[in-house]
Amino acid sequence: MLPFFDADHAALRERARRWVQDAGGKASGEGEVLRAAADRGELEARAVTLARALGAAGFLKHAVPAAFGGVREKVQARDLCILREELAYGGALADLMFAMQALAGYPIALAASPQQKKSLLPALARGECIGAFAITEIEAGSDAASLQTRAERRGDEYCLNGAKRFISNAGIAGGYVVFAATAPEKKSKGISAFWIEANHPGLILKERTELLSPHPIGALELRDCVVARRALIGQEGDGLRIAFETLDFLRCTVGAAAAGLARRALDEAIGHSKKRRQFGRALAEFQGIEFKLAEMATELEAARLLVYQAAWAHDSAAAEAKQKSSMAKFYAAEAAQRIVDQSLQIHGGSGLIAGSIMERLYRDVRALRIYEGTSEIQKLIIARGVLAKSRIED
């Protein structure tokens, strides 16, 4: 067991690993729960089924505080990392559905009113309500402060107008955490967060987006979407702080998902290299393949150590938690890309077959270097932290 864990973390990992095996996420192939969807309609149905199954298994409880149906007094980054690593090993869609419940639930746990928490968090923990996090726009990706969606205050109501894109769970979510500018002149300090039900008048699903790694995602439009003041999460102007605190907390869990995909790729490479024979012996007996496996295993171990160090730093409220999360997300996502690529190389032509585990891993791993802060953004955060520390020591 890696350091940074308590005994209950080991028990959670074992429980998650058994669930993935029972659901069909074994290296030998996929079963009914985790198998890939054949079309868009099936994809969305399967995503909903996974959310319900994760709720029934009790895993989503780790994404909300104990007071509202969760497991611990506060949500633990280590719990989320363990679950994301194990779920990603079984299938990227299972990991995504878990991650999105955490991404939608954390802002509510962090800043919502007691009434909002009581109404929303238990349903998210049971998988009965599927959540979504709506911040990205055409001109607001890495530069979240530049979002153009507006929320005009009208007495005890707000009228929202704007558009969002690349919103995971669009079309299947029961509600969205939506970010909009209530005071555009204040720029980053004028953005607020709202909870808006999916069927609320003025919230429109514009289109569904097809991505390299299939999961429910799409674009939304807010057209004279009038919500009561009680829909506000926190106070006016708190939105960007809420968004950044959420993303900072969950960033290391993206690294954990990368580690899960990389571990699956390594296991597939080991299994294939032992079975596949060329020139009268197994591939695993060739030094070139041994070197590849050694490099993959070392990078995976380094990535997991960075991820769980960052998670422990968050759970311990360490001063360098943000910096460590950026290091973990950056390194683990980049390393996972290399590990999956090397695994496919070891598989040779069979790794290129559409529908094979390697083809799917190759598609699934790519997005991790982009969402929740690109690798380039993580480098900026890391460098600025290093430079700031250097100035203090000087």
Protein backbone atom coordinates (compact mmCIF):
# COMPACT_ATOMS: atom_id res chain seq x y z
CA MET A 1 0.00 0.00 0.00
CA LEU A 2 1.25 3.49 -0.82
CA PRO A 3 2.03 5.90 2.03
CA PHE A 4 -0.42 8.69 2.93
CA PHE A 5 -3.22 6.19 3.69
CA ASP A 6 -5.12 4.94 6.72
CA ALA A 7 -6.59 1.46 7.09
CA ASP A 8 -10.02 2.60 5.90
CA HIS A 9 -8.50 3.84 2.65
CA ALA A 10 -7.16 0.35 1.95
CA ALA A 11 -10.62 -1.08 2.64
CA LEU A 12 -12.20 1.43 0.25
CA ARG A 13 -9.73 0.53 -2.49
CA GLU A 14 -10.42 -3.18 -2.07
CA ARG A 15 -14.18 -2.59 -2.16
CA ALA A 16 -13.89 -0.45 -5.30
CA ARG A 17 -11.63 -2.99 -6.97
CA ARG A 18 -14.08 -5.81 -6.26
CA TRP A 19 -16.95 -3.71 -7.61
CA VAL A 20 -15.06 -3.02 -10.85
CA GLN A 21 -14.29 -6.74 -11.25
CA ASP A 22 -17.89 -7.71 -10.57
CA ALA A 23 -19.13 -5.02 -12.99
CA GLY A 24 -16.97 -6.46 -15.73
CA GLY A 25 -13.87 -4.27 -15.69
CA LYS A 26 -11.41 -7.15 -15.62
CA ALA A 27 -8.38 -7.17 -17.88
CA SER A 28 -9.96 -10.08 -19.75
CA GLY A 29 -12.84 -7.96 -21.02
CA GLU A 30 -15.88 -5.93 -20.09
CA GLY A 31 -19.15 -7.04 -18.62
CA GLU A 32 -22.64 -5.58 -18.79
CA VAL A 33 -22.18 -2.60 -16.47
CA LEU A 34 -18.88 -1.27 -17.79
CA ARG A 35 -19.06 -2.25 -21.45
CA ALA A 36 -18.77 0.50 -24.04
CA ALA A 37 -21.95 1.97 -25.50
CA ALA A 38 -22.78 1.35 -29.14
CA ASP A 39 -24.55 4.63 -29.95
CA ARG A 40 -25.41 8.02 -28.49
CA GLY A 41 -28.74 6.96 -27.01
CA GLU A 42 -27.21 3.92 -25.40
CA LEU A 43 -24.29 6.04 -24.16
CA GLU A 44 -26.59 8.38 -22.26
CA ALA A 45 -28.65 5.51 -20.86
CA ARG A 46 -25.50 3.72 -19.78
CA ALA A 47 -24.18 6.88 -18.11
CA VAL A 48 -27.38 7.21 -16.08
CA THR A 49 -27.21 3.52 -15.17
CA LEU A 50 -23.62 3.95 -13.98
CA ALA A 51 -24.54 6.95 -11.82
CA ARG A 52 -27.32 4.95 -10.18
CA ALA A 53 -25.01 1.94 -9.71
CA LEU A 54 -22.28 4.08 -8.14
CA GLY A 55 -24.86 5.53 -5.80
CA ALA A 56 -26.21 2.10 -4.87
CA ALA A 57 -22.66 0.89 -4.17
CA GLY A 58 -22.17 3.79 -1.74
CA PHE A 59 -19.25 5.32 -3.66
CA LEU A 60 -20.96 8.64 -4.38
CA LYS A 61 -21.34 9.18 -0.63
CA HIS A 62 -17.63 9.91 -0.55
CA ALA A 63 -18.28 13.03 -2.65
CA VAL A 64 -20.52 14.74 -0.06
CA PRO A 65 -20.14 15.55 3.68
CA ALA A 66 -21.53 13.19 6.30
CA ALA A 67 -24.17 15.69 7.41
CA PHE A 68 -25.85 15.30 4.03
CA GLY A 69 -25.56 11.59 3.38
CA GLY A 70 -21.81 11.27 3.02
CA VAL A 71 -19.19 9.16 4.77
CA ARG A 72 -16.85 11.67 6.40
CA GLU A 73 -17.33 15.04 8.06
CA LYS A 74 -15.48 16.59 5.12
CA VAL A 75 -14.94 15.21 1.64
CA GLN A 76 -11.48 13.64 1.39
CA ALA A 77 -9.27 13.99 -1.66
CA ARG A 78 -7.72 10.59 -0.90
CA ASP A 79 -11.12 8.89 -1.04
CA LEU A 80 -11.88 10.50 -4.38
CA CYS A 81 -8.46 9.61 -5.79
CA ILE A 82 -8.77 5.97 -4.76
CA LEU A 83 -12.20 5.69 -6.33
CA ARG A 84 -11.25 7.48 -9.53
CA GLU A 85 -8.15 5.34 -10.03
CA GLU A 86 -10.07 2.10 -9.58
CA LEU A 87 -13.06 3.21 -11.65
CA ALA A 88 -10.88 4.50 -14.49
CA TYR A 89 -9.11 1.13 -14.55
CA GLY A 90 -12.48 -0.47 -15.28
CA GLY A 91 -13.85 2.14 -17.67
CA ALA A 92 -13.54 5.85 -18.37
CA LEU A 93 -17.31 6.42 -18.34
CA ALA A 94 -17.64 5.06 -14.80
CA ASP A 95 -14.86 7.40 -13.69
CA LEU A 96 -16.50 10.34 -15.44
CA MET A 97 -19.89 9.78 -13.81
CA PHE A 98 -18.27 9.62 -10.39
CA ALA A 99 -16.11 12.68 -11.07
CA MET A 100 -19.03 14.79 -12.27
CA GLN A 101 -21.04 14.09 -9.11
CA ALA A 102 -18.05 15.32 -7.12
CA LEU A 103 -17.56 18.33 -9.41
CA ALA A 104 -21.20 19.36 -9.08
CA GLY A 105 -21.49 18.52 -5.40
CA TYR A 106 -18.35 20.23 -4.09
CA PRO A 107 -19.47 23.83 -4.84
CA ILE A 108 -22.74 23.10 -3.05
CA ALA A 109 -20.98 21.59 -0.03
CA LEU A 110 -18.54 24.50 -0.06
CA ALA A 111 -20.84 27.50 -0.30
CA ALA A 112 -24.55 26.70 -0.71
CA SER A 113 -27.24 27.58 1.79
CA PRO A 114 -28.33 24.97 4.35
CA GLN A 115 -31.57 24.53 2.41
CA GLN A 116 -29.71 23.92 -0.86
CA LYS A 117 -27.38 21.42 0.78
CA LYS A 118 -30.25 19.53 2.38
CA SER A 119 -32.19 19.47 -0.88
CA LEU A 120 -29.37 18.58 -3.30
CA LEU A 121 -26.49 16.73 -1.66
CA PRO A 122 -28.32 13.58 -0.48
CA ALA A 123 -29.80 13.10 -3.97
CA LEU A 124 -26.35 13.52 -5.55
CA ALA A 125 -24.92 11.00 -3.07
CA ARG A 126 -27.55 8.43 -4.00
CA GLY A 127 -27.11 8.99 -7.73
CA GLU A 128 -30.75 10.00 -8.00
CA CYS A 129 -29.83 13.49 -9.20
CA ILE A 130 -27.07 13.70 -11.81
CA GLY A 131 -25.12 16.93 -11.59
CA ALA A 132 -23.14 19.10 -14.01
CA PHE A 133 -20.67 21.98 -13.79
CA ALA A 134 -21.31 24.69 -16.39
CA ILE A 135 -18.48 27.21 -16.64
CA THR A 136 -16.82 26.75 -20.06
CA GLU A 137 -17.79 29.02 -22.94
CA ILE A 138 -16.57 29.66 -26.49
CA GLU A 139 -14.25 32.44 -25.29
CA ALA A 140 -13.81 31.24 -21.70
CA GLY A 141 -11.84 28.04 -21.23
CA SER A 142 -8.55 28.38 -19.37
CA ASP A 143 -9.42 32.09 -18.96
CA ALA A 144 -12.52 31.47 -16.87
CA ALA A 145 -12.71 35.10 -15.73
CA SER A 146 -13.62 36.18 -19.27
CA LEU A 147 -16.96 34.36 -19.38
CA GLN A 148 -19.75 36.27 -21.12
CA THR A 149 -22.87 34.75 -19.54
CA ARG A 150 -24.74 37.48 -17.65
CA ALA A 151 -27.06 37.30 -14.65
CA GLU A 152 -28.97 40.55 -14.26
CA ARG A 153 -30.43 41.20 -10.82
CA ARG A 154 -34.14 42.07 -10.88
CA GLY A 155 -35.35 42.47 -7.33
CA ASP A 156 -35.39 38.98 -5.81
CA GLU A 157 -34.65 37.31 -9.14
CA TYR A 158 -31.84 36.98 -11.65
CA CYS A 159 -32.24 36.82 -15.42
CA LEU A 160 -29.49 34.80 -17.09
CA ASN A 161 -28.46 35.02 -20.73
CA GLY A 162 -25.49 33.35 -22.40
CA ALA A 163 -24.13 30.08 -23.74
CA LYS A 164 -22.02 27.24 -22.36
CA ARG A 165 -20.20 24.49 -24.20
CA PHE A 166 -18.28 21.29 -23.43
CA ILE A 167 -20.60 20.67 -20.48
CA SER A 168 -20.27 17.06 -19.32
CA ASN A 169 -23.61 15.41 -18.51
CA ALA A 170 -25.49 17.96 -20.65
CA GLY A 171 -28.74 16.29 -21.57
CA ILE A 172 -28.81 13.80 -18.69
CA ALA A 173 -28.16 16.09 -15.70
CA GLY A 174 -30.96 16.92 -13.31
CA GLY A 175 -29.34 20.27 -12.54
CA TYR A 176 -26.36 22.46 -13.31
CA VAL A 177 -23.97 24.62 -11.29
CA VAL A 178 -23.94 27.61 -13.65
CA PHE A 179 -21.44 30.47 -13.50
CA ALA A 180 -22.45 33.93 -14.73
CA ALA A 181 -21.37 37.54 -14.30
CA THR A 182 -23.61 39.50 -11.95
CA ALA A 183 -21.26 42.51 -12.02
CA PRO A 184 -19.28 42.38 -15.28
CA GLU A 185 -17.43 45.60 -14.45
CA LYS A 186 -15.77 43.82 -11.51
CA LYS A 187 -14.43 41.13 -13.84
CA SER A 188 -13.24 38.10 -11.81
CA LYS A 189 -14.86 39.45 -8.63
CA GLY A 190 -18.19 39.93 -10.34
CA ILE A 191 -18.94 36.29 -11.18
CA SER A 192 -21.56 34.32 -9.26
CA ALA A 193 -22.68 30.68 -9.13
CA PHE A 194 -26.24 29.36 -9.41
CA TRP A 195 -27.96 25.99 -9.17
CA ILE A 196 -30.44 25.66 -12.03
CA GLU A 197 -32.67 22.65 -12.59
CA ALA A 198 -32.41 21.06 -16.03
CA ASN A 199 -36.10 21.61 -16.80
CA HIS A 200 -36.10 25.25 -15.71
CA PRO A 201 -37.61 27.60 -18.33
CA GLY A 202 -34.91 29.36 -20.32
CA LEU A 203 -32.25 26.66 -19.84
CA ILE A 204 -31.96 25.02 -23.24
CA LEU A 205 -29.93 22.05 -24.40
CA LYS A 206 -28.62 23.29 -27.75
CA GLU A 207 -26.63 20.35 -29.03
CA ARG A 208 -24.86 17.19 -28.05
CA THR A 209 -21.16 17.00 -28.80
CA GLU A 210 -19.31 13.91 -30.02
CA LEU A 211 -15.84 13.57 -28.54
CA LEU A 212 -12.85 11.30 -29.10
CA SER A 213 -13.68 9.52 -25.84
CA PRO A 214 -17.46 9.06 -25.79
CA HIS A 215 -19.37 10.48 -22.87
CA PRO A 216 -22.50 12.66 -22.52
CA ILE A 217 -21.43 16.24 -23.26
CA GLY A 218 -22.99 19.18 -25.02
CA ALA A 219 -23.81 22.87 -25.25
CA LEU A 220 -26.36 24.88 -23.29
CA GLU A 221 -28.07 28.20 -23.88
CA LEU A 222 -29.53 30.45 -21.20
CA ARG A 223 -32.22 32.56 -22.82
CA ASP A 224 -34.01 34.91 -20.40
CA CYS A 225 -33.63 32.20 -17.76
CA VAL A 226 -35.17 33.75 -14.65
CA VAL A 227 -34.28 32.16 -11.30
CA ALA A 228 -35.12 33.11 -7.74
CA ARG A 229 -32.42 34.56 -5.50
CA ARG A 230 -32.35 31.29 -3.57
CA ALA A 231 -30.71 29.68 -6.63
CA LEU A 232 -27.55 31.67 -5.88
CA ILE A 233 -24.75 29.54 -4.42
CA GLY A 234 -22.91 31.59 -1.81
CA GLN A 235 -22.86 35.35 -2.24
CA GLU A 236 -22.76 37.54 -5.31
CA GLY A 237 -19.19 37.70 -6.60
CA ASP A 238 -18.15 34.42 -4.96
CA GLY A 239 -18.50 32.40 -8.16
CA LEU A 240 -14.92 32.33 -9.41
CA ARG A 241 -13.56 31.64 -5.94
CA ILE A 242 -16.01 28.73 -5.62
CA ALA A 243 -15.04 27.42 -9.06
CA PHE A 244 -11.31 27.65 -8.43
CA GLU A 245 -11.51 26.08 -4.97
CA THR A 246 -13.50 23.22 -6.48
CA LEU A 247 -11.07 22.71 -9.34
CA ASP A 248 -8.03 23.03 -7.06
CA PHE A 249 -9.44 20.35 -4.75
CA LEU A 250 -10.39 17.94 -7.53
CA ARG A 251 -7.32 18.47 -9.74
CA CYS A 252 -5.28 15.73 -8.12
CA THR A 253 -8.16 13.32 -8.70
CA VAL A 254 -7.70 13.81 -12.46
CA GLY A 255 -4.18 12.51 -11.92
CA ALA A 256 -5.68 9.51 -10.14
CA ALA A 257 -7.91 8.76 -13.13
CA ALA A 258 -4.84 8.99 -15.35
CA ALA A 259 -3.07 6.51 -13.09
CA GLY A 260 -6.02 4.13 -13.39
CA LEU A 261 -5.93 4.22 -17.18
CA ALA A 262 -2.14 3.85 -17.16
CA ARG A 263 -2.29 0.88 -14.77
CA ARG A 264 -4.81 -0.82 -17.04
CA ALA A 265 -2.55 -0.17 -20.05
CA LEU A 266 0.46 -1.60 -18.22
CA ASP A 267 -1.47 -4.72 -17.19
CA GLU A 268 -2.65 -5.19 -20.77
CA ALA A 269 0.92 -4.81 -22.04
CA ILE A 270 2.26 -7.34 -19.54
CA GLY A 271 -0.45 -9.86 -20.36
CA HIS A 272 -0.02 -9.47 -24.11
CA SER A 273 3.79 -9.62 -23.98
CA LYS A 274 3.64 -12.92 -22.09
CA LYS A 275 1.18 -14.52 -24.51
CA ARG A 276 2.35 -13.16 -27.84
CA ARG A 277 5.20 -15.13 -29.38
CA GLN A 278 7.57 -13.97 -32.11
CA PHE A 279 10.75 -15.66 -33.39
CA GLY A 280 10.07 -18.63 -31.15
CA ARG A 281 9.70 -16.86 -27.81
CA ALA A 282 7.37 -14.58 -25.87
CA LEU A 283 7.64 -10.84 -26.44
CA ALA A 284 8.33 -10.45 -22.71
CA GLU A 285 11.64 -12.24 -23.21
CA PHE A 286 12.98 -9.54 -25.56
CA GLN A 287 15.10 -6.89 -23.88
CA GLY A 288 13.46 -4.11 -25.89
CA ILE A 289 10.05 -5.03 -24.48
CA GLU A 290 11.48 -5.43 -20.97
CA PHE A 291 12.88 -1.91 -21.17
CA LYS A 292 9.49 -0.55 -22.22
CA LEU A 293 7.74 -2.32 -19.34
CA ALA A 294 10.35 -1.03 -16.89
CA GLU A 295 9.87 2.55 -18.04
CA MET A 296 6.07 2.25 -17.93
CA ALA A 297 6.07 0.75 -14.42
CA THR A 298 8.43 3.42 -13.09
CA GLU A 299 6.44 6.29 -14.56
CA LEU A 300 3.22 4.84 -13.17
CA GLU A 301 4.71 4.50 -9.69
CA ALA A 302 6.00 8.08 -9.79
CA ALA A 303 2.61 9.36 -10.96
CA ARG A 304 0.72 7.54 -8.19
CA LEU A 305 3.10 8.85 -5.54
CA LEU A 306 2.62 12.43 -6.76
CA VAL A 307 -1.16 12.00 -6.86
CA TYR A 308 -1.52 10.61 -3.36
CA GLN A 309 0.99 13.06 -1.90
CA ALA A 310 -1.16 15.87 -3.34
CA ALA A 311 -4.35 14.28 -2.00
CA TRP A 312 -2.78 13.90 1.44
CA ALA A 313 -1.69 17.56 1.30
CA HIS A 314 -5.29 18.62 0.64
CA ASP A 315 -6.67 16.45 3.42
CA SER A 316 -4.02 17.83 5.79
CA ALA A 317 -4.64 21.45 4.71
CA ALA A 318 -0.97 21.77 3.77
CA ALA A 319 0.17 25.12 2.39
CA GLU A 320 1.52 23.58 -0.82
CA ALA A 321 -1.58 21.55 -1.67
CA LYS A 322 -2.40 23.59 -4.78
CA GLN A 323 1.14 23.35 -6.13
CA LYS A 324 1.32 19.62 -5.46
CA SER A 325 -2.02 19.05 -7.18
CA SER A 326 -0.79 20.81 -10.29
CA MET A 327 2.36 18.70 -10.28
CA ALA A 328 0.33 15.53 -9.84
CA LYS A 329 -2.20 16.37 -12.54
CA PHE A 330 0.46 17.50 -15.00
CA TYR A 331 2.82 14.57 -14.53
CA ALA A 332 0.22 11.82 -14.19
CA ALA A 333 -1.72 12.89 -17.30
CA GLU A 334 1.42 13.21 -19.42
CA ALA A 335 2.86 9.94 -18.10
CA ALA A 336 -0.41 8.11 -18.73
CA GLN A 337 -0.34 9.24 -22.34
CA ARG A 338 3.17 7.80 -22.73
CA ILE A 339 2.28 4.55 -20.95
CA VAL A 340 -0.80 3.95 -23.06
CA ASP A 341 1.16 4.73 -26.23
CA GLN A 342 3.90 2.26 -25.27
CA SER A 343 1.32 -0.37 -24.42
CA LEU A 344 -0.27 0.02 -27.83
CA GLN A 345 3.17 -0.26 -29.42
CA ILE A 346 3.73 -3.56 -27.62
CA HIS A 347 0.35 -4.80 -28.88
CA GLY A 348 1.36 -4.00 -32.45
CA GLY A 349 -1.40 -4.25 -35.05
CA SER A 350 -3.89 -5.77 -32.60
CA GLY A 351 -3.78 -2.54 -30.61
CA LEU A 352 -5.20 -0.66 -33.58
CA ILE A 353 -8.36 -2.73 -33.89
CA ALA A 354 -11.49 -0.63 -33.40
CA GLY A 355 -13.30 -1.65 -30.24
CA SER A 356 -10.24 -3.21 -28.60
CA ILE A 357 -9.24 -2.22 -25.08
CA MET A 358 -6.10 -0.49 -26.40
CA GLU A 359 -8.02 1.54 -28.95
CA ARG A 360 -10.36 2.69 -26.20
CA LEU A 361 -7.56 3.50 -23.74
CA TYR A 362 -5.77 5.49 -26.44
CA ARG A 363 -8.87 7.64 -26.93
CA ASP A 364 -9.78 7.90 -23.25
CA VAL A 365 -6.40 9.08 -21.99
CA ARG A 366 -6.03 12.08 -24.29
CA ALA A 367 -8.62 14.38 -22.68
CA LEU A 368 -6.92 14.26 -19.28
CA ARG A 369 -4.16 16.57 -20.50
CA ILE A 370 -6.78 19.22 -21.30
CA TYR A 371 -9.72 19.36 -18.92
CA GLU A 372 -9.63 20.91 -15.43
CA GLY A 373 -6.57 22.87 -16.48
CA THR A 374 -4.35 22.00 -19.43
CA SER A 375 -0.81 20.75 -18.93
CA GLU A 376 0.37 24.21 -19.96
CA ILE A 377 -1.73 25.87 -17.26
CA GLN A 378 -0.36 23.43 -14.68
CA LYS A 379 3.18 24.38 -15.70
CA LEU A 380 2.36 28.05 -15.11
CA ILE A 381 0.96 27.30 -11.65
CA ILE A 382 3.99 25.16 -10.76
CA ALA A 383 6.51 27.70 -12.04
CA ARG A 384 4.86 30.62 -10.25
CA GLY A 385 4.83 28.64 -7.02
CA VAL A 386 8.49 27.76 -7.37
CA LEU A 387 9.41 31.36 -8.13
CA ALA A 388 7.33 32.72 -5.24
CA LYS A 389 8.98 30.31 -2.84
CA SER A 390 12.39 31.34 -4.15
CA ARG A 391 11.64 35.03 -3.48
CA ILE A 392 10.61 34.24 0.09
CA GLU A 393 13.78 32.24 0.73
CA ASP A 394 15.94 34.98 -0.83
